[in-house]
Amino acid sequence: MKSLSGLIPWAVSIGLIAFIIITNDIKAISAAFGNLNLALYFTVTIPFLLILLFLESTFLYCGFKWIAGVGEYVEMIRVKAATYLLTVISFLVGLGGLVIYAKRRYGISYTLGTNIMLNELLHEVATQGSLAAIACLLLPSSLVPDNARNQVETVMLAGIIGIGFYLLCILTSRIFRYLPPRYRIIKVFNAFIDITLRQYAAFFTIKIVQNIFYGLFLAGMLYSFGIRPPLIAVIAFMQIIQFVRSIPVTAFGIGIDQIAVPVLFSAWAPVGAVPAGAGGHLLACSIIFTFTLFVGRAMLGIPFVSGVFKDIVEQKGQGQGE
């Protein structure tokens, strides 16, 4: 049953792609690929993938060092890159791989490892919500077409909910900090009890920068196809796309991206680039976006897989011999 459950995200993604193929003009989408500005595409993609790895590894290092007291920075770069391959299945599977690594490498309990990953999820929600709400608030109304106002309002509301959730978690963790252990009935907050407010600020800052770069990356993809929505709108909408694609109902966001990008950015599609159902340029852009993240991150991860696996085996062997 577990092996079958792992196929569910792929089944959903395939179903979504089939629906998109049936309901759109494939010739128009294929033609749109001819408008891709390759020079701009590679100029944006290569730095983004490297900077993203650096930022995600930095957050991972801080999480393990501050919460569990283990880990080296260079090691976290290798481990994070290697687990990119697990995110092919889903974002949560990638986090699970990190928990298993921490257990076998350092003997960290699955509970503590899971709590470290929950800390990352909390700050993903917090920073995505903050960027979505603030960017929508700062977006000049003169730059928003009438048929995009509902998207802006929905994204802002979702962002406010994310901020509220984050503040609630921090407040609860501060309250739990002063309770005897036997009264800390909500175990999920155990990860946050010992985190200082300065560390919260550092975690938040790293994720803010990371998610801004995600927005800049999507803007680069859109601009490569001649689609030029306001940059601040791209940053805002990208946060919602990131949040939805991290939910493990599809494989690596395949299908989700192809629905979300045309829906959110249809108001800025080039004139004449909108066949029945959705913008051909926007669908082509969403395909390139997904493909780049999928292949680019896998290429970064492949060189590190054998080394990370060796670390786990050697450490496990040492532990058994002691």
C-alpha atoms as a PDB file:
ATOM      1  CA  MET A   1       0.000   0.000   0.000  1.00  0.00           C
ATOM      2  CA  LYS A   2       2.855   2.393   0.791  1.00  0.00           C
ATOM      3  CA  SER A   3       4.358   1.900  -2.655  1.00  0.00           C
ATOM      4  CA  LEU A   4       0.989   2.579  -4.237  1.00  0.00           C
ATOM      5  CA  SER A   5       0.470   5.727  -2.154  1.00  0.00           C
ATOM      6  CA  GLY A   6       3.750   7.053  -3.539  1.00  0.00           C
ATOM      7  CA  LEU A   7       2.264   6.842  -7.026  1.00  0.00           C
ATOM      8  CA  ILE A   8      -0.769   8.980  -6.138  1.00  0.00           C
ATOM      9  CA  PRO A   9       0.977  12.355  -6.664  1.00  0.00           C
ATOM     10  CA  TRP A  10       2.171  11.196 -10.089  1.00  0.00           C
ATOM     11  CA  ALA A  11      -1.327   9.980 -10.970  1.00  0.00           C
ATOM     12  CA  VAL A  12      -2.773  13.388 -10.028  1.00  0.00           C
ATOM     13  CA  SER A  13      -0.097  15.208 -12.033  1.00  0.00           C
ATOM     14  CA  ILE A  14      -0.699  13.022 -15.085  1.00  0.00           C
ATOM     15  CA  GLY A  15      -4.448  13.619 -14.768  1.00  0.00           C
ATOM     16  CA  LEU A  16      -3.962  17.395 -14.595  1.00  0.00           C
ATOM     17  CA  ILE A  17      -1.638  17.390 -17.599  1.00  0.00           C
ATOM     18  CA  ALA A  18      -4.129  15.276 -19.569  1.00  0.00           C
ATOM     19  CA  PHE A  19      -6.879  17.780 -18.729  1.00  0.00           C
ATOM     20  CA  ILE A  20      -4.673  20.676 -19.876  1.00  0.00           C
ATOM     21  CA  ILE A  21      -3.835  18.912 -23.145  1.00  0.00           C
ATOM     22  CA  ILE A  22      -7.503  18.221 -23.869  1.00  0.00           C
ATOM     23  CA  THR A  23      -8.712  21.735 -23.069  1.00  0.00           C
ATOM     24  CA  ASN A  24      -6.016  23.803 -24.791  1.00  0.00           C
ATOM     25  CA  ASP A  25      -4.625  24.466 -28.230  1.00  0.00           C
ATOM     26  CA  ILE A  26      -1.430  22.408 -28.260  1.00  0.00           C
ATOM     27  CA  LYS A  27      -0.251  23.990 -31.516  1.00  0.00           C
ATOM     28  CA  ALA A  28      -0.456  27.436 -29.954  1.00  0.00           C
ATOM     29  CA  ILE A  29       1.496  26.249 -26.918  1.00  0.00           C
ATOM     30  CA  SER A  30       4.165  24.642 -29.133  1.00  0.00           C
ATOM     31  CA  ALA A  31       4.452  27.826 -31.169  1.00  0.00           C
ATOM     32  CA  ALA A  32       4.943  29.839 -27.986  1.00  0.00           C
ATOM     33  CA  PHE A  33       8.159  27.932 -27.209  1.00  0.00           C
ATOM     34  CA  GLY A  34       9.653  29.588 -30.293  1.00  0.00           C
ATOM     35  CA  ASN A  35       9.424  32.944 -28.530  1.00  0.00           C
ATOM     36  CA  LEU A  36      11.639  31.869 -25.612  1.00  0.00           C
ATOM     37  CA  ASN A  37      14.578  34.240 -25.143  1.00  0.00           C
ATOM     38  CA  LEU A  38      17.303  31.684 -24.449  1.00  0.00           C
ATOM     39  CA  ALA A  39      19.944  34.232 -23.463  1.00  0.00           C
ATOM     40  CA  LEU A  40      17.704  35.718 -20.774  1.00  0.00           C
ATOM     41  CA  TYR A  41      16.566  32.251 -19.696  1.00  0.00           C
ATOM     42  CA  PHE A  42      20.082  30.975 -18.957  1.00  0.00           C
ATOM     43  CA  THR A  43      21.144  34.295 -17.439  1.00  0.00           C
ATOM     44  CA  VAL A  44      18.342  33.929 -14.886  1.00  0.00           C
ATOM     45  CA  THR A  45      18.391  30.159 -14.342  1.00  0.00           C
ATOM     46  CA  ILE A  46      22.013  29.337 -13.510  1.00  0.00           C
ATOM     47  CA  PRO A  47      22.522  31.991 -10.793  1.00  0.00           C
ATOM     48  CA  PHE A  48      19.096  31.219  -9.310  1.00  0.00           C
ATOM     49  CA  LEU A  49      19.778  27.495  -8.862  1.00  0.00           C
ATOM     50  CA  LEU A  50      23.130  28.172  -7.182  1.00  0.00           C
ATOM     51  CA  ILE A  51      21.812  30.953  -4.924  1.00  0.00           C
ATOM     52  CA  LEU A  52      18.801  28.817  -3.977  1.00  0.00           C
ATOM     53  CA  LEU A  53      21.071  25.947  -2.908  1.00  0.00           C
ATOM     54  CA  PHE A  54      23.159  28.368  -0.826  1.00  0.00           C
ATOM     55  CA  LEU A  55      20.112  29.860   0.925  1.00  0.00           C
ATOM     56  CA  GLU A  56      18.391  26.531   1.595  1.00  0.00           C
ATOM     57  CA  SER A  57      21.625  25.040   2.917  1.00  0.00           C
ATOM     58  CA  THR A  58      22.126  28.048   5.180  1.00  0.00           C
ATOM     59  CA  PHE A  59      18.661  27.619   6.676  1.00  0.00           C
ATOM     60  CA  LEU A  60      19.240  23.884   7.116  1.00  0.00           C
ATOM     61  CA  TYR A  61      22.580  24.484   8.822  1.00  0.00           C
ATOM     62  CA  CYS A  62      21.074  27.029  11.222  1.00  0.00           C
ATOM     63  CA  GLY A  63      18.194  24.675  12.027  1.00  0.00           C
ATOM     64  CA  PHE A  64      20.379  21.702  12.902  1.00  0.00           C
ATOM     65  CA  LYS A  65      23.063  23.755  14.653  1.00  0.00           C
ATOM     66  CA  TRP A  66      20.707  25.866  16.804  1.00  0.00           C
ATOM     67  CA  ILE A  67      18.073  23.248  17.601  1.00  0.00           C
ATOM     68  CA  ALA A  68      20.128  20.021  17.725  1.00  0.00           C
ATOM     69  CA  GLY A  69      23.705  21.289  18.032  1.00  0.00           C
ATOM     70  CA  VAL A  70      25.029  19.228  15.094  1.00  0.00           C
ATOM     71  CA  GLY A  71      26.064  19.670  11.481  1.00  0.00           C
ATOM     72  CA  GLU A  72      28.691  21.497   9.432  1.00  0.00           C
ATOM     73  CA  TYR A  73      27.913  24.030   6.736  1.00  0.00           C
ATOM     74  CA  VAL A  74      29.627  22.284   3.815  1.00  0.00           C
ATOM     75  CA  GLU A  75      27.931  19.055   4.868  1.00  0.00           C
ATOM     76  CA  MET A  76      24.527  20.743   4.768  1.00  0.00           C
ATOM     77  CA  ILE A  77      25.179  21.894   1.205  1.00  0.00           C
ATOM     78  CA  ARG A  78      25.899  18.310   0.139  1.00  0.00           C
ATOM     79  CA  VAL A  79      22.916  16.893   2.011  1.00  0.00           C
ATOM     80  CA  LYS A  80      20.486  19.523   0.769  1.00  0.00           C
ATOM     81  CA  ALA A  81      21.606  19.028  -2.825  1.00  0.00           C
ATOM     82  CA  ALA A  82      21.274  15.251  -2.508  1.00  0.00           C
ATOM     83  CA  THR A  83      17.746  15.465  -1.130  1.00  0.00           C
ATOM     84  CA  TYR A  84      16.682  17.525  -4.158  1.00  0.00           C
ATOM     85  CA  LEU A  85      16.216  14.167  -5.851  1.00  0.00           C
ATOM     86  CA  LEU A  86      13.667  13.147  -3.202  1.00  0.00           C
ATOM     87  CA  THR A  87      11.595  16.270  -3.868  1.00  0.00           C
ATOM     88  CA  VAL A  88      10.838  14.731  -7.257  1.00  0.00           C
ATOM     89  CA  ILE A  89       8.301  12.690  -5.296  1.00  0.00           C
ATOM     90  CA  SER A  90       7.139  15.557  -3.084  1.00  0.00           C
ATOM     91  CA  PHE A  91       8.398  18.407  -0.931  1.00  0.00           C
ATOM     92  CA  LEU A  92       7.536  16.467   2.239  1.00  0.00           C
ATOM     93  CA  VAL A  93       9.444  13.377   1.088  1.00  0.00           C
ATOM     94  CA  GLY A  94      12.509  15.595   0.702  1.00  0.00           C
ATOM     95  CA  LEU A  95      12.124  16.781   4.290  1.00  0.00           C
ATOM     96  CA  GLY A  96      11.652  13.185   5.418  1.00  0.00           C
ATOM     97  CA  GLY A  97      14.965  12.275   3.815  1.00  0.00           C
ATOM     98  CA  LEU A  98      16.675  14.925   5.923  1.00  0.00           C
ATOM     99  CA  VAL A  99      15.099  13.505   9.082  1.00  0.00           C
ATOM    100  CA  ILE A 100      16.390  10.014   8.256  1.00  0.00           C
ATOM    101  CA  TYR A 101      19.857  11.397   7.489  1.00  0.00           C
ATOM    102  CA  ALA A 102      19.997  13.219  10.840  1.00  0.00           C
ATOM    103  CA  LYS A 103      18.946  10.047  12.660  1.00  0.00           C
ATOM    104  CA  ARG A 104      21.550   7.814  11.040  1.00  0.00           C
ATOM    105  CA  ARG A 105      24.345  10.354  10.901  1.00  0.00           C
ATOM    106  CA  TYR A 106      24.003  11.951  14.336  1.00  0.00           C
ATOM    107  CA  GLY A 107      21.553   9.776  16.258  1.00  0.00           C
ATOM    108  CA  ILE A 108      19.007  12.590  16.422  1.00  0.00           C
ATOM    109  CA  SER A 109      15.582  11.201  17.301  1.00  0.00           C
ATOM    110  CA  TYR A 110      12.946  11.174  14.606  1.00  0.00           C
ATOM    111  CA  THR A 111      10.856  13.457  16.811  1.00  0.00           C
ATOM    112  CA  LEU A 112      13.554  16.132  17.050  1.00  0.00           C
ATOM    113  CA  GLY A 113      14.426  15.786  13.380  1.00  0.00           C
ATOM    114  CA  THR A 114      10.767  16.172  12.450  1.00  0.00           C
ATOM    115  CA  ASN A 115      10.494  19.240  14.662  1.00  0.00           C
ATOM    116  CA  ILE A 116      13.475  20.808  12.874  1.00  0.00           C
ATOM    117  CA  MET A 117      11.678  20.246   9.579  1.00  0.00           C
ATOM    118  CA  LEU A 118       8.473  21.678  11.049  1.00  0.00           C
ATOM    119  CA  ASN A 119      10.445  24.792  11.879  1.00  0.00           C
ATOM    120  CA  GLU A 120      11.328  25.101   8.189  1.00  0.00           C
ATOM    121  CA  LEU A 121       7.714  24.557   7.137  1.00  0.00           C
ATOM    122  CA  LEU A 122       6.570  27.190   9.630  1.00  0.00           C
ATOM    123  CA  HIS A 123       8.946  29.762   8.189  1.00  0.00           C
ATOM    124  CA  GLU A 124       7.991  28.836   4.632  1.00  0.00           C
ATOM    125  CA  VAL A 125       4.365  29.634   5.445  1.00  0.00           C
ATOM    126  CA  ALA A 126       5.310  32.771   7.373  1.00  0.00           C
ATOM    127  CA  THR A 127       7.525  34.298   4.714  1.00  0.00           C
ATOM    128  CA  GLN A 128       5.319  33.290   1.812  1.00  0.00           C
ATOM    129  CA  GLY A 129       2.366  34.867   3.593  1.00  0.00           C
ATOM    130  CA  SER A 130       4.310  38.020   4.441  1.00  0.00           C
ATOM    131  CA  LEU A 131       5.620  38.541   0.919  1.00  0.00           C
ATOM    132  CA  ALA A 132       2.221  37.815  -0.628  1.00  0.00           C
ATOM    133  CA  ALA A 133       0.383  40.269   1.648  1.00  0.00           C
ATOM    134  CA  ILE A 134       2.981  43.065   1.596  1.00  0.00           C
ATOM    135  CA  ALA A 135       3.631  42.858  -2.144  1.00  0.00           C
ATOM    136  CA  CYS A 136      -0.114  42.976  -2.910  1.00  0.00           C
ATOM    137  CA  LEU A 137      -0.495  45.928  -0.541  1.00  0.00           C
ATOM    138  CA  LEU A 138       2.324  47.821  -2.269  1.00  0.00           C
ATOM    139  CA  LEU A 139       1.174  46.929  -5.791  1.00  0.00           C
ATOM    140  CA  PRO A 140      -0.120  50.158  -7.413  1.00  0.00           C
ATOM    141  CA  SER A 141      -3.730  49.766  -8.509  1.00  0.00           C
ATOM    142  CA  SER A 142      -2.846  51.452 -11.805  1.00  0.00           C
ATOM    143  CA  LEU A 143      -0.709  48.406 -12.694  1.00  0.00           C
ATOM    144  CA  VAL A 144      -3.494  45.905 -12.010  1.00  0.00           C
ATOM    145  CA  PRO A 145      -5.924  45.238 -14.887  1.00  0.00           C
ATOM    146  CA  ASP A 146      -9.566  44.926 -13.882  1.00  0.00           C
ATOM    147  CA  ASN A 147      -9.587  41.194 -14.598  1.00  0.00           C
ATOM    148  CA  ALA A 148      -6.674  40.666 -12.169  1.00  0.00           C
ATOM    149  CA  ARG A 149      -8.099  42.445  -9.122  1.00  0.00           C
ATOM    150  CA  ASN A 150      -9.747  39.306  -7.742  1.00  0.00           C
ATOM    151  CA  GLN A 151      -6.434  37.443  -7.915  1.00  0.00           C
ATOM    152  CA  VAL A 152      -4.677  40.231  -6.015  1.00  0.00           C
ATOM    153  CA  GLU A 153      -7.337  40.327  -3.293  1.00  0.00           C
ATOM    154  CA  THR A 154      -7.301  36.519  -2.901  1.00  0.00           C
ATOM    155  CA  VAL A 155      -3.511  36.380  -2.685  1.00  0.00           C
ATOM    156  CA  MET A 156      -3.465  39.182  -0.098  1.00  0.00           C
ATOM    157  CA  LEU A 157      -6.046  37.383   2.049  1.00  0.00           C
ATOM    158  CA  ALA A 158      -4.084  34.129   1.861  1.00  0.00           C
ATOM    159  CA  GLY A 159      -0.965  36.015   2.875  1.00  0.00           C
ATOM    160  CA  ILE A 160      -2.647  37.552   5.910  1.00  0.00           C
ATOM    161  CA  ILE A 161      -3.795  34.093   7.018  1.00  0.00           C
ATOM    162  CA  GLY A 162      -0.211  32.825   6.723  1.00  0.00           C
ATOM    163  CA  ILE A 163       1.108  35.698   8.855  1.00  0.00           C
ATOM    164  CA  GLY A 164      -1.567  35.067  11.469  1.00  0.00           C
ATOM    165  CA  PHE A 165      -0.684  31.395  11.662  1.00  0.00           C
ATOM    166  CA  TYR A 166       3.002  32.201  12.162  1.00  0.00           C
ATOM    167  CA  LEU A 167       2.321  34.707  14.943  1.00  0.00           C
ATOM    168  CA  LEU A 168      -0.010  32.239  16.652  1.00  0.00           C
ATOM    169  CA  CYS A 169       2.716  29.575  16.621  1.00  0.00           C
ATOM    170  CA  ILE A 170       5.296  31.962  18.098  1.00  0.00           C
ATOM    171  CA  LEU A 171       2.876  33.144  20.803  1.00  0.00           C
ATOM    172  CA  THR A 172       1.970  29.562  21.696  1.00  0.00           C
ATOM    173  CA  SER A 173       5.618  28.523  21.850  1.00  0.00           C
ATOM    174  CA  ARG A 174       6.365  31.439  24.199  1.00  0.00           C
ATOM    175  CA  ILE A 175       3.518  30.324  26.479  1.00  0.00           C
ATOM    176  CA  PHE A 176       4.644  26.677  26.370  1.00  0.00           C
ATOM    177  CA  ARG A 177       8.153  27.810  27.305  1.00  0.00           C
ATOM    178  CA  TYR A 178       6.972  28.544  30.859  1.00  0.00           C
ATOM    179  CA  LEU A 179       4.846  25.416  31.311  1.00  0.00           C
ATOM    180  CA  PRO A 180       6.074  22.222  33.006  1.00  0.00           C
ATOM    181  CA  PRO A 181       6.788  19.486  30.398  1.00  0.00           C
ATOM    182  CA  ARG A 182       3.759  17.438  31.478  1.00  0.00           C
ATOM    183  CA  TYR A 183       1.464  20.280  30.416  1.00  0.00           C
ATOM    184  CA  ARG A 184       2.964  20.681  26.942  1.00  0.00           C
ATOM    185  CA  ILE A 185       0.259  18.561  25.371  1.00  0.00           C
ATOM    186  CA  ILE A 186       0.707  19.884  21.831  1.00  0.00           C
ATOM    187  CA  LYS A 187       4.008  18.209  20.951  1.00  0.00           C
ATOM    188  CA  VAL A 188       4.357  20.078  17.653  1.00  0.00           C
ATOM    189  CA  PHE A 189       5.417  23.199  19.559  1.00  0.00           C
ATOM    190  CA  ASN A 190       8.343  21.468  21.271  1.00  0.00           C
ATOM    191  CA  ALA A 191      10.608  22.451  18.374  1.00  0.00           C
ATOM    192  CA  PHE A 192       9.973  26.132  18.957  1.00  0.00           C
ATOM    193  CA  ILE A 193      10.221  26.380  22.748  1.00  0.00           C
ATOM    194  CA  ASP A 194      13.999  26.826  22.863  1.00  0.00           C
ATOM    195  CA  ILE A 195      14.314  29.031  19.782  1.00  0.00           C
ATOM    196  CA  THR A 196      15.187  32.596  20.755  1.00  0.00           C
ATOM    197  CA  LEU A 197      13.529  35.594  19.158  1.00  0.00           C
ATOM    198  CA  ARG A 198      16.872  36.492  17.537  1.00  0.00           C
ATOM    199  CA  GLN A 199      16.996  33.037  15.938  1.00  0.00           C
ATOM    200  CA  TYR A 200      13.384  33.436  14.792  1.00  0.00           C
ATOM    201  CA  ALA A 201      14.442  36.673  13.094  1.00  0.00           C
ATOM    202  CA  ALA A 202      17.372  34.943  11.389  1.00  0.00           C
ATOM    203  CA  PHE A 203      15.215  32.059  10.159  1.00  0.00           C
ATOM    204  CA  PHE A 204      12.617  34.529   8.895  1.00  0.00           C
ATOM    205  CA  THR A 205      15.202  36.665   7.089  1.00  0.00           C
ATOM    206  CA  ILE A 206      16.800  33.730   5.288  1.00  0.00           C
ATOM    207  CA  LYS A 207      13.423  32.499   4.053  1.00  0.00           C
ATOM    208  CA  ILE A 208      12.322  35.992   3.014  1.00  0.00           C
ATOM    209  CA  VAL A 209      15.400  36.336   0.797  1.00  0.00           C
ATOM    210  CA  GLN A 210      14.916  32.808  -0.556  1.00  0.00           C
ATOM    211  CA  ASN A 211      11.297  33.408  -1.528  1.00  0.00           C
ATOM    212  CA  ILE A 212      12.084  36.782  -3.077  1.00  0.00           C
ATOM    213  CA  PHE A 213      14.566  34.956  -5.298  1.00  0.00           C
ATOM    214  CA  TYR A 214      11.825  32.490  -6.253  1.00  0.00           C
ATOM    215  CA  GLY A 215       9.732  35.454  -7.363  1.00  0.00           C
ATOM    216  CA  LEU A 216      12.632  36.909  -9.346  1.00  0.00           C
ATOM    217  CA  PHE A 217      13.154  33.538 -11.002  1.00  0.00           C
ATOM    218  CA  LEU A 218       9.529  33.284 -12.101  1.00  0.00           C
ATOM    219  CA  ALA A 219       9.701  36.873 -13.357  1.00  0.00           C
ATOM    220  CA  GLY A 220      12.716  35.889 -15.441  1.00  0.00           C
ATOM    221  CA  MET A 221      10.785  32.956 -16.902  1.00  0.00           C
ATOM    222  CA  LEU A 222       7.819  35.194 -17.747  1.00  0.00           C
ATOM    223  CA  TYR A 223      10.009  37.922 -19.234  1.00  0.00           C
ATOM    224  CA  SER A 224      11.785  35.269 -21.334  1.00  0.00           C
ATOM    225  CA  PHE A 225       8.436  34.703 -23.070  1.00  0.00           C
ATOM    226  CA  GLY A 226       7.655  38.398 -23.455  1.00  0.00           C
ATOM    227  CA  ILE A 227       5.135  38.387 -20.594  1.00  0.00           C
ATOM    228  CA  ARG A 228       5.792  41.422 -18.383  1.00  0.00           C
ATOM    229  CA  PRO A 229       3.570  41.711 -15.318  1.00  0.00           C
ATOM    230  CA  PRO A 230       4.814  44.074 -12.570  1.00  0.00           C
ATOM    231  CA  LEU A 231       7.706  42.496 -10.681  1.00  0.00           C
ATOM    232  CA  ILE A 232       6.008  43.059  -7.336  1.00  0.00           C
ATOM    233  CA  ALA A 233       2.930  41.170  -8.579  1.00  0.00           C
ATOM    234  CA  VAL A 234       5.107  38.246  -9.674  1.00  0.00           C
ATOM    235  CA  ILE A 235       6.740  38.082  -6.232  1.00  0.00           C
ATOM    236  CA  ALA A 236       3.311  38.117  -4.562  1.00  0.00           C
ATOM    237  CA  PHE A 237       1.749  35.471  -6.804  1.00  0.00           C
ATOM    238  CA  MET A 238       4.843  33.267  -6.675  1.00  0.00           C
ATOM    239  CA  GLN A 239       4.347  32.787  -2.943  1.00  0.00           C
ATOM    240  CA  ILE A 240       0.935  31.209  -3.492  1.00  0.00           C
ATOM    241  CA  ILE A 241       2.275  29.020  -6.286  1.00  0.00           C
ATOM    242  CA  GLN A 242       5.093  27.844  -4.006  1.00  0.00           C
ATOM    243  CA  PHE A 243       2.705  27.100  -1.168  1.00  0.00           C
ATOM    244  CA  VAL A 244       0.312  25.087  -3.337  1.00  0.00           C
ATOM    245  CA  ARG A 245       3.050  23.132  -5.122  1.00  0.00           C
ATOM    246  CA  SER A 246       4.541  22.114  -1.748  1.00  0.00           C
ATOM    247  CA  ILE A 247       1.308  20.312  -0.813  1.00  0.00           C
ATOM    248  CA  PRO A 248       2.023  16.626  -1.597  1.00  0.00           C
ATOM    249  CA  VAL A 249      -0.940  16.048  -3.901  1.00  0.00           C
ATOM    250  CA  THR A 250       1.099  16.250  -7.102  1.00  0.00           C
ATOM    251  CA  ALA A 251       4.606  15.212  -8.127  1.00  0.00           C
ATOM    252  CA  PHE A 252       6.951  18.199  -7.936  1.00  0.00           C
ATOM    253  CA  GLY A 253       4.124  20.618  -8.696  1.00  0.00           C
ATOM    254  CA  ILE A 254       3.605  19.173 -12.173  1.00  0.00           C
ATOM    255  CA  GLY A 255       0.102  20.165 -13.240  1.00  0.00           C
ATOM    256  CA  ILE A 256      -0.278  22.683 -10.412  1.00  0.00           C
ATOM    257  CA  ASP A 257       2.158  25.079 -12.104  1.00  0.00           C
ATOM    258  CA  GLN A 258       0.369  24.653 -15.429  1.00  0.00           C
ATOM    259  CA  ILE A 259      -2.924  25.687 -13.857  1.00  0.00           C
ATOM    260  CA  ALA A 260      -1.687  28.374 -11.455  1.00  0.00           C
ATOM    261  CA  VAL A 261       0.546  30.394 -13.798  1.00  0.00           C
ATOM    262  CA  PRO A 262      -2.092  30.926 -16.548  1.00  0.00           C
ATOM    263  CA  VAL A 263      -4.822  31.691 -13.985  1.00  0.00           C
ATOM    264  CA  LEU A 264      -2.773  34.212 -12.000  1.00  0.00           C
ATOM    265  CA  PHE A 265      -1.068  35.969 -14.918  1.00  0.00           C
ATOM    266  CA  SER A 266      -3.699  35.784 -17.678  1.00  0.00           C
ATOM    267  CA  ALA A 267      -4.331  39.538 -17.426  1.00  0.00           C
ATOM    268  CA  TRP A 268      -0.770  40.215 -18.594  1.00  0.00           C
ATOM    269  CA  ALA A 269      -0.610  37.625 -21.419  1.00  0.00           C
ATOM    270  CA  PRO A 270       0.637  39.066 -24.735  1.00  0.00           C
ATOM    271  CA  VAL A 271      -2.081  40.210 -27.095  1.00  0.00           C
ATOM    272  CA  GLY A 272      -2.983  37.427 -29.494  1.00  0.00           C
ATOM    273  CA  ALA A 273      -1.352  34.777 -27.307  1.00  0.00           C
ATOM    274  CA  VAL A 274      -4.519  33.502 -25.692  1.00  0.00           C
ATOM    275  CA  PRO A 275      -6.108  30.512 -27.404  1.00  0.00           C
ATOM    276  CA  ALA A 276      -9.200  28.864 -25.985  1.00  0.00           C
ATOM    277  CA  GLY A 277      -8.848  27.938 -22.323  1.00  0.00           C
ATOM    278  CA  ALA A 278      -5.580  29.636 -21.325  1.00  0.00           C
ATOM    279  CA  GLY A 279      -2.658  31.669 -22.642  1.00  0.00           C
ATOM    280  CA  GLY A 280      -0.368  29.632 -24.869  1.00  0.00           C
ATOM    281  CA  HIS A 281       2.628  31.705 -23.805  1.00  0.00           C
ATOM    282  CA  LEU A 282       1.719  31.291 -20.139  1.00  0.00           C
ATOM    283  CA  LEU A 283       1.355  27.535 -20.407  1.00  0.00           C
ATOM    284  CA  ALA A 284       4.669  27.308 -22.255  1.00  0.00           C
ATOM    285  CA  CYS A 285       6.261  29.430 -19.538  1.00  0.00           C
ATOM    286  CA  SER A 286       4.814  27.229 -16.788  1.00  0.00           C
ATOM    287  CA  ILE A 287       6.211  24.127 -18.491  1.00  0.00           C
ATOM    288  CA  ILE A 288       9.676  25.653 -18.738  1.00  0.00           C
ATOM    289  CA  PHE A 289       9.416  26.783 -15.100  1.00  0.00           C
ATOM    290  CA  THR A 290       8.605  23.272 -13.855  1.00  0.00           C
ATOM    291  CA  PHE A 291      11.143  21.609 -16.143  1.00  0.00           C
ATOM    292  CA  THR A 292      13.929  23.945 -15.014  1.00  0.00           C
ATOM    293  CA  LEU A 293      13.300  23.355 -11.317  1.00  0.00           C
ATOM    294  CA  PHE A 294      12.921  19.609 -11.851  1.00  0.00           C
ATOM    295  CA  VAL A 295      16.012  19.032 -14.005  1.00  0.00           C
ATOM    296  CA  GLY A 296      18.188  21.816 -12.620  1.00  0.00           C
ATOM    297  CA  ARG A 297      17.850  20.723  -8.999  1.00  0.00           C
ATOM    298  CA  ALA A 298      18.336  17.066  -9.960  1.00  0.00           C
ATOM    299  CA  MET A 299      21.577  17.923 -11.758  1.00  0.00           C
ATOM    300  CA  LEU A 300      22.821  19.744  -8.656  1.00  0.00           C
ATOM    301  CA  GLY A 301      21.912  16.779  -6.453  1.00  0.00           C
ATOM    302  CA  ILE A 302      23.256  13.838  -8.458  1.00  0.00           C
ATOM    303  CA  PRO A 303      26.984  14.494  -7.770  1.00  0.00           C
ATOM    304  CA  PHE A 304      26.394  14.426  -3.999  1.00  0.00           C
ATOM    305  CA  VAL A 305      24.173  11.350  -3.613  1.00  0.00           C
ATOM    306  CA  SER A 306      26.907   8.728  -3.338  1.00  0.00           C
ATOM    307  CA  GLY A 307      28.911  10.778  -0.834  1.00  0.00           C
ATOM    308  CA  VAL A 308      25.915  11.411   1.411  1.00  0.00           C
ATOM    309  CA  PHE A 309      24.932   7.740   1.288  1.00  0.00           C
ATOM    310  CA  LYS A 310      28.517   6.798   2.205  1.00  0.00           C
ATOM    311  CA  ASP A 311      28.413   9.133   5.204  1.00  0.00           C
ATOM    312  CA  ILE A 312      25.233   7.462   6.451  1.00  0.00           C
ATOM    313  CA  VAL A 313      26.586   3.923   6.022  1.00  0.00           C
ATOM    314  CA  GLU A 314      29.928   4.693   7.675  1.00  0.00           C
ATOM    315  CA  GLN A 315      28.365   6.480  10.632  1.00  0.00           C
ATOM    316  CA  LYS A 316      25.821   3.686  11.096  1.00  0.00           C
ATOM    317  CA  GLY A 317      28.640   1.141  11.036  1.00  0.00           C
ATOM    318  CA  GLN A 318      30.622   3.062  13.651  1.00  0.00           C
ATOM    319  CA  GLY A 319      27.573   3.256  15.865  1.00  0.00           C
ATOM    320  CA  GLN A 320      27.005  -0.498  15.656  1.00  0.00           C
ATOM    321  CA  GLY A 321      30.606  -1.228  16.545  1.00  0.00           C
ATOM    322  CA  GLU A 322      30.665   0.908  19.682  1.00  0.00           C
END
